[in-house]
Amino acid sequence: WTRKNYLGLGLGSASLVENVRFSNTSDLKAYLEGEF
């Protein structure tokens, strides 16, 4: 809520680091093949 840096690990998890937003894949098959 105070916009600190956070890193999401695992399927579909979202991240916000230094005002850059990105998310992991939501495809379980892709994640299990290492395409995080």
Full PDB file with SEQRES, HELIX, SHEET, SSBOND, CRYST1, ORIGX, SCALE, CONECT and MASTER records, all heavy atoms in Angstrom:
SEQRES   1 A   36  TRP THR ARG LYS ASN TYR LEU GLY LEU GLY LEU GLY SER          
SEQRES   2 A   36  ALA SER LEU VAL GLU ASN VAL ARG PHE SER ASN THR SER          
SEQRES   3 A   36  ASP LEU LYS ALA TYR LEU GLU GLY GLU PHE                      
HELIX    1 AA1 LEU A   28  LEU A   32  1                                   5    
SHEET    1 AA1 2 ALA A  14  VAL A  17  0                                        
SHEET    2 AA1 2 VAL A  20  SER A  23 -1                                        
CRYST1    1.000    1.000    1.000  90.00  90.00  90.00 P 1           1          
ORIGX1      1.000000  0.000000  0.000000        0.00000                         
ORIGX2      0.000000  1.000000  0.000000        0.00000                         
ORIGX3      0.000000  0.000000  1.000000        0.00000                         
SCALE1      1.000000  0.000000  0.000000        0.00000                         
SCALE2      0.000000  1.000000  0.000000        0.00000                         
SCALE3      0.000000  0.000000  1.000000        0.00000                         
ATOM      1  N   TRP A   1       0.818  -1.227   0.000  1.00  0.00           N  
ATOM      2  CA  TRP A   1       0.000   0.000   0.000  1.00  0.00           C  
ATOM      3  C   TRP A   1       0.846   1.268   0.000  1.00  0.00           C  
ATOM      4  O   TRP A   1       0.358   2.337  -0.367  1.00  0.00           O  
ATOM      5  CB  TRP A   1      -0.965  -0.019   1.190  1.00  0.00           C  
ATOM      6  CG  TRP A   1      -1.901  -1.192   1.152  1.00  0.00           C  
ATOM      7  CD1 TRP A   1      -2.538  -1.696   0.050  1.00  0.00           C  
ATOM      8  CD2 TRP A   1      -2.294  -2.022   2.245  1.00  0.00           C  
ATOM      9  NE1 TRP A   1      -3.304  -2.789   0.406  1.00  0.00           N  
ATOM     10  CE2 TRP A   1      -3.168  -3.010   1.740  1.00  0.00           C  
ATOM     11  CE3 TRP A   1      -1.999  -2.020   3.604  1.00  0.00           C  
ATOM     12  CZ2 TRP A   1      -3.748  -3.988   2.546  1.00  0.00           C  
ATOM     13  CZ3 TRP A   1      -2.570  -2.992   4.413  1.00  0.00           C  
ATOM     14  CH2 TRP A   1      -3.442  -3.965   3.882  1.00  0.00           C  
ATOM     15  N   THR A   2       2.103   1.152   0.430  1.00  0.00           N  
ATOM     16  CA  THR A   2       2.993   2.316   0.418  1.00  0.00           C  
ATOM     17  C   THR A   2       4.005   2.240  -0.729  1.00  0.00           C  
ATOM     18  O   THR A   2       4.976   2.988  -0.746  1.00  0.00           O  
ATOM     19  CB  THR A   2       3.721   2.464   1.767  1.00  0.00           C  
ATOM     20  OG1 THR A   2       4.394   1.229   2.084  1.00  0.00           O  
ATOM     21  CG2 THR A   2       2.751   2.798   2.887  1.00  0.00           C  
ATOM     22  N   ARG A   3       3.773   1.326  -1.672  1.00  0.00           N  
ATOM     23  CA  ARG A   3       4.550   1.209  -2.902  1.00  0.00           C  
ATOM     24  C   ARG A   3       6.027   0.911  -2.651  1.00  0.00           C  
ATOM     25  O   ARG A   3       6.914   1.451  -3.322  1.00  0.00           O  
ATOM     26  CB  ARG A   3       4.404   2.452  -3.782  1.00  0.00           C  
ATOM     27  CG  ARG A   3       2.990   2.729  -4.241  1.00  0.00           C  
ATOM     28  CD  ARG A   3       2.905   3.780  -5.330  1.00  0.00           C  
ATOM     29  NE  ARG A   3       3.343   3.241  -6.615  1.00  0.00           N  
ATOM     30  CZ  ARG A   3       4.472   3.572  -7.220  1.00  0.00           C  
ATOM     31  NH1 ARG A   3       5.318   4.418  -6.659  1.00  0.00           N  
ATOM     32  NH2 ARG A   3       4.783   3.057  -8.393  1.00  0.00           N  
ATOM     33  N   LYS A   4       6.307   0.014  -1.725  1.00  0.00           N  
ATOM     34  CA  LYS A   4       7.679  -0.461  -1.571  1.00  0.00           C  
ATOM     35  C   LYS A   4       7.987  -1.452  -2.692  1.00  0.00           C  
ATOM     36  O   LYS A   4       7.095  -2.020  -3.313  1.00  0.00           O  
ATOM     37  CB  LYS A   4       7.858  -1.126  -0.200  1.00  0.00           C  
ATOM     38  CG  LYS A   4       7.871  -0.137   0.954  1.00  0.00           C  
ATOM     39  CD  LYS A   4       8.244  -0.830   2.261  1.00  0.00           C  
ATOM     40  CE  LYS A   4       8.351   0.178   3.398  1.00  0.00           C  
ATOM     41  NZ  LYS A   4       8.702  -0.498   4.680  1.00  0.00           N  
ATOM     42  N   ASN A   5       9.279  -1.692  -2.930  1.00  0.00           N  
ATOM     43  CA  ASN A   5       9.672  -2.695  -3.914  1.00  0.00           C  
ATOM     44  C   ASN A   5       9.216  -4.075  -3.457  1.00  0.00           C  
ATOM     45  O   ASN A   5       9.403  -4.437  -2.284  1.00  0.00           O  
ATOM     46  CB  ASN A   5      11.202  -2.720  -4.069  1.00  0.00           C  
ATOM     47  CG  ASN A   5      11.750  -1.461  -4.688  1.00  0.00           C  
ATOM     48  OD1 ASN A   5      11.182  -0.921  -5.633  1.00  0.00           O  
ATOM     49  ND2 ASN A   5      12.872  -0.983  -4.160  1.00  0.00           N  
ATOM     50  N   TYR A   6       8.626  -4.837  -4.376  1.00  0.00           N  
ATOM     51  CA  TYR A   6       8.307  -6.229  -4.042  1.00  0.00           C  
ATOM     52  C   TYR A   6       8.566  -7.120  -5.247  1.00  0.00           C  
ATOM     53  O   TYR A   6       8.383  -6.724  -6.397  1.00  0.00           O  
ATOM     54  CB  TYR A   6       6.868  -6.377  -3.536  1.00  0.00           C  
ATOM     55  CG  TYR A   6       5.773  -5.934  -4.487  1.00  0.00           C  
ATOM     56  CD1 TYR A   6       5.247  -6.803  -5.446  1.00  0.00           C  
ATOM     57  CD2 TYR A   6       5.250  -4.648  -4.411  1.00  0.00           C  
ATOM     58  CE1 TYR A   6       4.237  -6.397  -6.307  1.00  0.00           C  
ATOM     59  CE2 TYR A   6       4.237  -4.230  -5.267  1.00  0.00           C  
ATOM     60  CZ  TYR A   6       3.731  -5.112  -6.213  1.00  0.00           C  
ATOM     61  OH  TYR A   6       2.735  -4.700  -7.062  1.00  0.00           O  
ATOM     62  N   LEU A   7       9.024  -8.337  -4.955  1.00  0.00           N  
ATOM     63  CA  LEU A   7       9.337  -9.323  -5.988  1.00  0.00           C  
ATOM     64  C   LEU A   7       8.447 -10.536  -5.787  1.00  0.00           C  
ATOM     65  O   LEU A   7       8.429 -11.134  -4.708  1.00  0.00           O  
ATOM     66  CB  LEU A   7      10.813  -9.735  -5.889  1.00  0.00           C  
ATOM     67  CG  LEU A   7      11.260 -10.831  -6.864  1.00  0.00           C  
ATOM     68  CD1 LEU A   7      11.217 -10.322  -8.312  1.00  0.00           C  
ATOM     69  CD2 LEU A   7      12.667 -11.315  -6.516  1.00  0.00           C  
ATOM     70  N   GLY A   8       7.708 -10.905  -6.834  1.00  0.00           N  
ATOM     71  CA  GLY A   8       6.863 -12.085  -6.786  1.00  0.00           C  
ATOM     72  C   GLY A   8       7.592 -13.294  -7.336  1.00  0.00           C  
ATOM     73  O   GLY A   8       8.210 -13.229  -8.409  1.00  0.00           O  
ATOM     74  N   LEU A   9       7.541 -14.386  -6.609  1.00  0.00           N  
ATOM     75  CA  LEU A   9       8.144 -15.648  -7.026  1.00  0.00           C  
ATOM     76  C   LEU A   9       7.042 -16.688  -7.151  1.00  0.00           C  
ATOM     77  O   LEU A   9       6.148 -16.740  -6.324  1.00  0.00           O  
ATOM     78  CB  LEU A   9       9.187 -16.105  -5.994  1.00  0.00           C  
ATOM     79  CG  LEU A   9      10.346 -15.135  -5.740  1.00  0.00           C  
ATOM     80  CD1 LEU A   9      11.035 -15.466  -4.422  1.00  0.00           C  
ATOM     81  CD2 LEU A   9      11.351 -15.189  -6.892  1.00  0.00           C  
ATOM     82  N   GLY A  10       7.100 -17.499  -8.191  1.00  0.00           N  
ATOM     83  CA  GLY A  10       6.067 -18.502  -8.389  1.00  0.00           C  
ATOM     84  C   GLY A  10       5.092 -18.119  -9.490  1.00  0.00           C  
ATOM     85  O   GLY A  10       5.112 -17.002 -10.023  1.00  0.00           O  
ATOM     86  N   LEU A  11       4.224 -19.044  -9.814  1.00  0.00           N  
ATOM     87  CA  LEU A  11       3.299 -18.915 -10.941  1.00  0.00           C  
ATOM     88  C   LEU A  11       2.442 -17.652 -10.841  1.00  0.00           C  
ATOM     89  O   LEU A  11       1.767 -17.419  -9.837  1.00  0.00           O  
ATOM     90  CB  LEU A  11       2.388 -20.149 -10.976  1.00  0.00           C  
ATOM     91  CG  LEU A  11       1.468 -20.278 -12.188  1.00  0.00           C  
ATOM     92  CD1 LEU A  11       2.273 -20.640 -13.429  1.00  0.00           C  
ATOM     93  CD2 LEU A  11       0.388 -21.323 -11.930  1.00  0.00           C  
ATOM     94  N   GLY A  12       2.453 -16.831 -11.897  1.00  0.00           N  
ATOM     95  CA  GLY A  12       1.556 -15.685 -12.002  1.00  0.00           C  
ATOM     96  C   GLY A  12       1.823 -14.543 -11.046  1.00  0.00           C  
ATOM     97  O   GLY A  12       1.052 -13.583 -11.008  1.00  0.00           O  
ATOM     98  N   SER A  13       2.895 -14.601 -10.276  1.00  0.00           N  
ATOM     99  CA  SER A  13       3.108 -13.581  -9.245  1.00  0.00           C  
ATOM    100  C   SER A  13       3.608 -12.275  -9.867  1.00  0.00           C  
ATOM    101  O   SER A  13       4.361 -12.266 -10.835  1.00  0.00           O  
ATOM    102  CB  SER A  13       4.096 -14.081  -8.190  1.00  0.00           C  
ATOM    103  OG  SER A  13       5.305 -14.481  -8.796  1.00  0.00           O  
ATOM    104  N   ALA A  14       3.149 -11.167  -9.283  1.00  0.00           N  
ATOM    105  CA  ALA A  14       3.465  -9.833  -9.800  1.00  0.00           C  
ATOM    106  C   ALA A  14       4.600  -9.202  -9.009  1.00  0.00           C  
ATOM    107  O   ALA A  14       4.803  -9.507  -7.833  1.00  0.00           O  
ATOM    108  CB  ALA A  14       2.233  -8.942  -9.735  1.00  0.00           C  
ATOM    109  N   SER A  15       5.321  -8.304  -9.670  1.00  0.00           N  
ATOM    110  CA  SER A  15       6.446  -7.605  -9.044  1.00  0.00           C  
ATOM    111  C   SER A  15       6.402  -6.124  -9.387  1.00  0.00           C  
ATOM    112  O   SER A  15       5.879  -5.733 -10.436  1.00  0.00           O  
ATOM    113  CB  SER A  15       7.785  -8.178  -9.538  1.00  0.00           C  
ATOM    114  OG  SER A  15       7.895  -9.561  -9.275  1.00  0.00           O  
ATOM    115  N   LEU A  16       6.948  -5.319  -8.492  1.00  0.00           N  
ATOM    116  CA  LEU A  16       7.156  -3.888  -8.741  1.00  0.00           C  
ATOM    117  C   LEU A  16       8.503  -3.527  -8.122  1.00  0.00           C  
ATOM    118  O   LEU A  16       8.632  -3.500  -6.896  1.00  0.00           O  
ATOM    119  CB  LEU A  16       6.038  -3.038  -8.120  1.00  0.00           C  
ATOM    120  CG  LEU A  16       6.203  -1.524  -8.292  1.00  0.00           C  
ATOM    121  CD1 LEU A  16       6.034  -1.114  -9.747  1.00  0.00           C  
ATOM    122  CD2 LEU A  16       5.208  -0.756  -7.427  1.00  0.00           C  
ATOM    123  N   VAL A  17       9.490  -3.293  -8.962  1.00  0.00           N  
ATOM    124  CA  VAL A  17      10.839  -2.973  -8.483  1.00  0.00           C  
ATOM    125  C   VAL A  17      11.321  -1.712  -9.191  1.00  0.00           C  
ATOM    126  O   VAL A  17      11.411  -1.680 -10.422  1.00  0.00           O  
ATOM    127  CB  VAL A  17      11.826  -4.135  -8.736  1.00  0.00           C  
ATOM    128  CG1 VAL A  17      13.190  -3.799  -8.137  1.00  0.00           C  
ATOM    129  CG2 VAL A  17      11.297  -5.441  -8.145  1.00  0.00           C  
ATOM    130  N   GLU A  18      11.611  -0.691  -8.412  1.00  0.00           N  
ATOM    131  CA  GLU A  18      12.077   0.600  -8.934  1.00  0.00           C  
ATOM    132  C   GLU A  18      11.146   1.119 -10.030  1.00  0.00           C  
ATOM    133  O   GLU A  18      11.585   1.566 -11.100  1.00  0.00           O  
ATOM    134  CB  GLU A  18      13.520   0.489  -9.451  1.00  0.00           C  
ATOM    135  CG  GLU A  18      14.507  -0.131  -8.487  1.00  0.00           C  
ATOM    136  CD  GLU A  18      14.602   0.568  -7.132  1.00  0.00           C  
ATOM    137  OE1 GLU A  18      14.125   1.711  -7.028  1.00  0.00           O  
ATOM    138  OE2 GLU A  18      15.135  -0.037  -6.187  1.00  0.00           O  
ATOM    139  N   ASN A  19       9.846   1.036  -9.754  1.00  0.00           N  
ATOM    140  CA  ASN A  19       8.802   1.532 -10.656  1.00  0.00           C  
ATOM    141  C   ASN A  19       8.715   0.783 -11.983  1.00  0.00           C  
ATOM    142  O   ASN A  19       8.155   1.285 -12.957  1.00  0.00           O  
ATOM    143  CB  ASN A  19       8.949   3.033 -10.905  1.00  0.00           C  
ATOM    144  CG  ASN A  19       8.538   3.846  -9.686  1.00  0.00           C  
ATOM    145  OD1 ASN A  19       7.467   3.641  -9.130  1.00  0.00           O  
ATOM    146  ND2 ASN A  19       9.410   4.746  -9.254  1.00  0.00           N  
ATOM    147  N   VAL A  20       9.254  -0.429 -12.019  1.00  0.00           N  
ATOM    148  CA  VAL A  20       9.071  -1.314 -13.169  1.00  0.00           C  
ATOM    149  C   VAL A  20       8.164  -2.453 -12.732  1.00  0.00           C  
ATOM    150  O   VAL A  20       8.437  -3.138 -11.750  1.00  0.00           O  
ATOM    151  CB  VAL A  20      10.421  -1.872 -13.680  1.00  0.00           C  
ATOM    152  CG1 VAL A  20      10.189  -2.853 -14.826  1.00  0.00           C  
ATOM    153  CG2 VAL A  20      11.330  -0.736 -14.128  1.00  0.00           C  
ATOM    154  N   ARG A  21       7.069  -2.633 -13.478  1.00  0.00           N  
ATOM    155  CA  ARG A  21       6.096  -3.671 -13.146  1.00  0.00           C  
ATOM    156  C   ARG A  21       6.235  -4.840 -14.123  1.00  0.00           C  
ATOM    157  O   ARG A  21       6.346  -4.634 -15.340  1.00  0.00           O  
ATOM    158  CB  ARG A  21       4.672  -3.100 -13.236  1.00  0.00           C  
ATOM    159  CG  ARG A  21       3.604  -4.047 -12.711  1.00  0.00           C  
ATOM    160  CD  ARG A  21       2.207  -3.442 -12.831  1.00  0.00           C  
ATOM    161  NE  ARG A  21       2.065  -2.205 -12.090  1.00  0.00           N  
ATOM    162  CZ  ARG A  21       2.006  -2.130 -10.759  1.00  0.00           C  
ATOM    163  NH1 ARG A  21       2.103  -3.232 -10.032  1.00  0.00           N  
ATOM    164  NH2 ARG A  21       1.865  -0.966 -10.158  1.00  0.00           N  
ATOM    165  N   PHE A  22       6.230  -6.055 -13.581  1.00  0.00           N  
ATOM    166  CA  PHE A  22       6.296  -7.253 -14.419  1.00  0.00           C  
ATOM    167  C   PHE A  22       5.671  -8.414 -13.661  1.00  0.00           C  
ATOM    168  O   PHE A  22       5.491  -8.359 -12.437  1.00  0.00           O  
ATOM    169  CB  PHE A  22       7.740  -7.567 -14.828  1.00  0.00           C  
ATOM    170  CG  PHE A  22       8.721  -7.636 -13.681  1.00  0.00           C  
ATOM    171  CD1 PHE A  22       9.084  -8.847 -13.114  1.00  0.00           C  
ATOM    172  CD2 PHE A  22       9.294  -6.472 -13.161  1.00  0.00           C  
ATOM    173  CE1 PHE A  22       9.992  -8.913 -12.059  1.00  0.00           C  
ATOM    174  CE2 PHE A  22      10.204  -6.525 -12.101  1.00  0.00           C  
ATOM    175  CZ  PHE A  22      10.548  -7.743 -11.553  1.00  0.00           C  
ATOM    176  N   SER A  23       5.313  -9.473 -14.392  1.00  0.00           N  
ATOM    177  CA  SER A  23       4.657 -10.626 -13.781  1.00  0.00           C  
ATOM    178  C   SER A  23       5.218 -11.917 -14.356  1.00  0.00           C  
ATOM    179  O   SER A  23       5.637 -11.958 -15.523  1.00  0.00           O  
ATOM    180  CB  SER A  23       3.146 -10.598 -14.029  1.00  0.00           C  
ATOM    181  OG  SER A  23       2.541  -9.490 -13.405  1.00  0.00           O  
ATOM    182  N   ASN A  24       5.200 -12.955 -13.536  1.00  0.00           N  
ATOM    183  CA  ASN A  24       5.572 -14.288 -14.014  1.00  0.00           C  
ATOM    184  C   ASN A  24       4.470 -14.858 -14.896  1.00  0.00           C  
ATOM    185  O   ASN A  24       3.321 -14.431 -14.841  1.00  0.00           O  
ATOM    186  CB  ASN A  24       5.805 -15.234 -12.829  1.00  0.00           C  
ATOM    187  CG  ASN A  24       7.201 -15.097 -12.249  1.00  0.00           C  
ATOM    188  OD1 ASN A  24       8.012 -14.305 -12.716  1.00  0.00           O  
ATOM    189  ND2 ASN A  24       7.483 -15.882 -11.223  1.00  0.00           N  
ATOM    190  N   THR A  25       4.815 -15.852 -15.670  1.00  0.00           N  
ATOM    191  CA  THR A  25       3.826 -16.538 -16.489  1.00  0.00           C  
ATOM    192  C   THR A  25       2.726 -17.144 -15.621  1.00  0.00           C  
ATOM    193  O   THR A  25       2.988 -17.582 -14.496  1.00  0.00           O  
ATOM    194  CB  THR A  25       4.482 -17.653 -17.332  1.00  0.00           C  
ATOM    195  OG1 THR A  25       3.462 -18.311 -18.103  1.00  0.00           O  
ATOM    196  CG2 THR A  25       5.168 -18.699 -16.452  1.00  0.00           C  
ATOM    197  N   SER A  26       1.497 -17.160 -16.160  1.00  0.00           N  
ATOM    198  CA  SER A  26       0.374 -17.806 -15.475  1.00  0.00           C  
ATOM    199  C   SER A  26       0.105 -19.193 -16.040  1.00  0.00           C  
ATOM    200  O   SER A  26      -0.875 -19.842 -15.663  1.00  0.00           O  
ATOM    201  CB  SER A  26      -0.884 -16.944 -15.612  1.00  0.00           C  
ATOM    202  OG  SER A  26      -0.710 -15.714 -14.945  1.00  0.00           O  
ATOM    203  N   ASP A  27       0.967 -19.645 -16.944  1.00  0.00           N  
ATOM    204  CA  ASP A  27       0.835 -20.960 -17.583  1.00  0.00           C  
ATOM    205  C   ASP A  27       1.645 -21.977 -16.782  1.00  0.00           C  
ATOM    206  O   ASP A  27       2.880 -21.930 -16.779  1.00  0.00           O  
ATOM    207  CB  ASP A  27       1.343 -20.858 -19.028  1.00  0.00           C  
ATOM    208  CG  ASP A  27       1.192 -22.164 -19.810  1.00  0.00           C  
ATOM    209  OD1 ASP A  27       1.222 -23.244 -19.188  1.00  0.00           O  
ATOM    210  OD2 ASP A  27       1.052 -22.083 -21.041  1.00  0.00           O  
ATOM    211  N   LEU A  28       0.957 -22.877 -16.097  1.00  0.00           N  
ATOM    212  CA  LEU A  28       1.639 -23.839 -15.226  1.00  0.00           C  
ATOM    213  C   LEU A  28       2.632 -24.689 -16.010  1.00  0.00           C  
ATOM    214  O   LEU A  28       3.749 -24.939 -15.549  1.00  0.00           O  
ATOM    215  CB  LEU A  28       0.621 -24.730 -14.503  1.00  0.00           C  
ATOM    216  CG  LEU A  28       1.208 -25.783 -13.556  1.00  0.00           C  
ATOM    217  CD1 LEU A  28       2.036 -25.137 -12.447  1.00  0.00           C  
ATOM    218  CD2 LEU A  28       0.099 -26.654 -12.951  1.00  0.00           C  
ATOM    219  N   LYS A  29       2.251 -25.132 -17.195  1.00  0.00           N  
ATOM    220  CA  LYS A  29       3.138 -25.965 -18.015  1.00  0.00           C  
ATOM    221  C   LYS A  29       4.429 -25.212 -18.338  1.00  0.00           C  
ATOM    222  O   LYS A  29       5.522 -25.768 -18.213  1.00  0.00           O  
ATOM    223  CB  LYS A  29       2.423 -26.386 -19.304  1.00  0.00           C  
ATOM    224  CG  LYS A  29       3.218 -27.330 -20.204  1.00  0.00           C  
ATOM    225  CD  LYS A  29       2.357 -27.805 -21.369  1.00  0.00           C  
ATOM    226  CE  LYS A  29       3.128 -28.789 -22.249  1.00  0.00           C  
ATOM    227  NZ  LYS A  29       4.241 -28.144 -22.979  1.00  0.00           N  
ATOM    228  N   ALA A  30       4.288 -23.948 -18.737  1.00  0.00           N  
ATOM    229  CA  ALA A  30       5.479 -23.148 -19.053  1.00  0.00           C  
ATOM    230  C   ALA A  30       6.353 -22.962 -17.819  1.00  0.00           C  
ATOM    231  O   ALA A  30       7.589 -23.066 -17.898  1.00  0.00           O  
ATOM    232  CB  ALA A  30       5.054 -21.790 -19.614  1.00  0.00           C  
ATOM    233  N   TYR A  31       5.717 -22.688 -16.665  1.00  0.00           N  
ATOM    234  CA  TYR A  31       6.493 -22.484 -15.445  1.00  0.00           C  
ATOM    235  C   TYR A  31       7.274 -23.753 -15.083  1.00  0.00           C  
ATOM    236  O   TYR A  31       8.454 -23.683 -14.712  1.00  0.00           O  
ATOM    237  CB  TYR A  31       5.579 -22.077 -14.286  1.00  0.00           C  
ATOM    238  CG  TYR A  31       6.350 -21.669 -13.049  1.00  0.00           C  
ATOM    239  CD1 TYR A  31       6.769 -20.347 -12.877  1.00  0.00           C  
ATOM    240  CD2 TYR A  31       6.703 -22.602 -12.078  1.00  0.00           C  
ATOM    241  CE1 TYR A  31       7.523 -19.976 -11.774  1.00  0.00           C  
ATOM    242  CE2 TYR A  31       7.450 -22.246 -10.970  1.00  0.00           C  
ATOM    243  CZ  TYR A  31       7.861 -20.922 -10.821  1.00  0.00           C  
ATOM    244  OH  TYR A  31       8.619 -20.564  -9.728  1.00  0.00           O  
ATOM    245  N   LEU A  32       6.619 -24.889 -15.191  1.00  0.00           N  
ATOM    246  CA  LEU A  32       7.274 -26.149 -14.839  1.00  0.00           C  
ATOM    247  C   LEU A  32       8.417 -26.482 -15.800  1.00  0.00           C  
ATOM    248  O   LEU A  32       9.295 -27.279 -15.467  1.00  0.00           O  
ATOM    249  CB  LEU A  32       6.249 -27.298 -14.822  1.00  0.00           C  
ATOM    250  CG  LEU A  32       5.178 -27.210 -13.720  1.00  0.00           C  
ATOM    251  CD1 LEU A  32       4.192 -28.369 -13.838  1.00  0.00           C  
ATOM    252  CD2 LEU A  32       5.811 -27.191 -12.335  1.00  0.00           C  
ATOM    253  N   GLU A  33       8.406 -25.856 -16.987  1.00  0.00           N  
ATOM    254  CA  GLU A  33       9.498 -26.049 -17.949  1.00  0.00           C  
ATOM    255  C   GLU A  33      10.594 -25.002 -17.781  1.00  0.00           C  
ATOM    256  O   GLU A  33      11.536 -24.932 -18.573  1.00  0.00           O  
ATOM    257  CB  GLU A  33       8.937 -26.021 -19.375  1.00  0.00           C  
ATOM    258  CG  GLU A  33       8.059 -27.234 -19.696  1.00  0.00           C  
ATOM    259  CD  GLU A  33       7.361 -27.116 -21.049  1.00  0.00           C  
ATOM    260  OE1 GLU A  33       7.456 -26.047 -21.694  1.00  0.00           O  
ATOM    261  OE2 GLU A  33       6.715 -28.105 -21.454  1.00  0.00           O  
ATOM    262  N   GLY A  34      10.441 -24.144 -16.740  1.00  0.00           N  
ATOM    263  CA  GLY A  34      11.480 -23.173 -16.441  1.00  0.00           C  
ATOM    264  C   GLY A  34      11.315 -21.832 -17.109  1.00  0.00           C  
ATOM    265  O   GLY A  34      12.215 -20.983 -17.042  1.00  0.00           O  
ATOM    266  N   GLU A  35      10.170 -21.602 -17.761  1.00  0.00           N  
ATOM    267  CA  GLU A  35       9.904 -20.300 -18.389  1.00  0.00           C  
ATOM    268  C   GLU A  35       9.175 -19.437 -17.363  1.00  0.00           C  
ATOM    269  O   GLU A  35       7.950 -19.310 -17.383  1.00  0.00           O  
ATOM    270  CB  GLU A  35       9.068 -20.489 -19.654  1.00  0.00           C  
ATOM    271  CG  GLU A  35       9.750 -21.333 -20.708  1.00  0.00           C  
ATOM    272  CD  GLU A  35       8.831 -21.656 -21.883  1.00  0.00           C  
ATOM    273  OE1 GLU A  35       7.843 -20.919 -22.097  1.00  0.00           O  
ATOM    274  OE2 GLU A  35       9.093 -22.664 -22.563  1.00  0.00           O  
ATOM    275  N   PHE A  36       9.921 -18.834 -16.456  1.00  0.00           N  
ATOM    276  CA  PHE A  36       9.325 -18.157 -15.312  1.00  0.00           C  
ATOM    277  C   PHE A  36       8.687 -16.823 -15.678  1.00  0.00           C  
ATOM    278  O   PHE A  36       7.553 -16.545 -15.335  1.00  0.00           O  
ATOM    279  CB  PHE A  36      10.369 -17.935 -14.217  1.00  0.00           C  
ATOM    280  CG  PHE A  36      11.063 -19.196 -13.777  1.00  0.00           C  
ATOM    281  CD1 PHE A  36      12.437 -19.237 -13.617  1.00  0.00           C  
ATOM    282  CD2 PHE A  36      10.332 -20.353 -13.535  1.00  0.00           C  
ATOM    283  CE1 PHE A  36      13.069 -20.397 -13.212  1.00  0.00           C  
ATOM    284  CE2 PHE A  36      10.961 -21.523 -13.123  1.00  0.00           C  
ATOM    285  CZ  PHE A  36      12.335 -21.544 -12.970  1.00  0.00           C  
TER     286      PHE A  36                                                      
MASTER        0    0    0    1    2    0    0    6  285    1    0    3          
END                                                                             
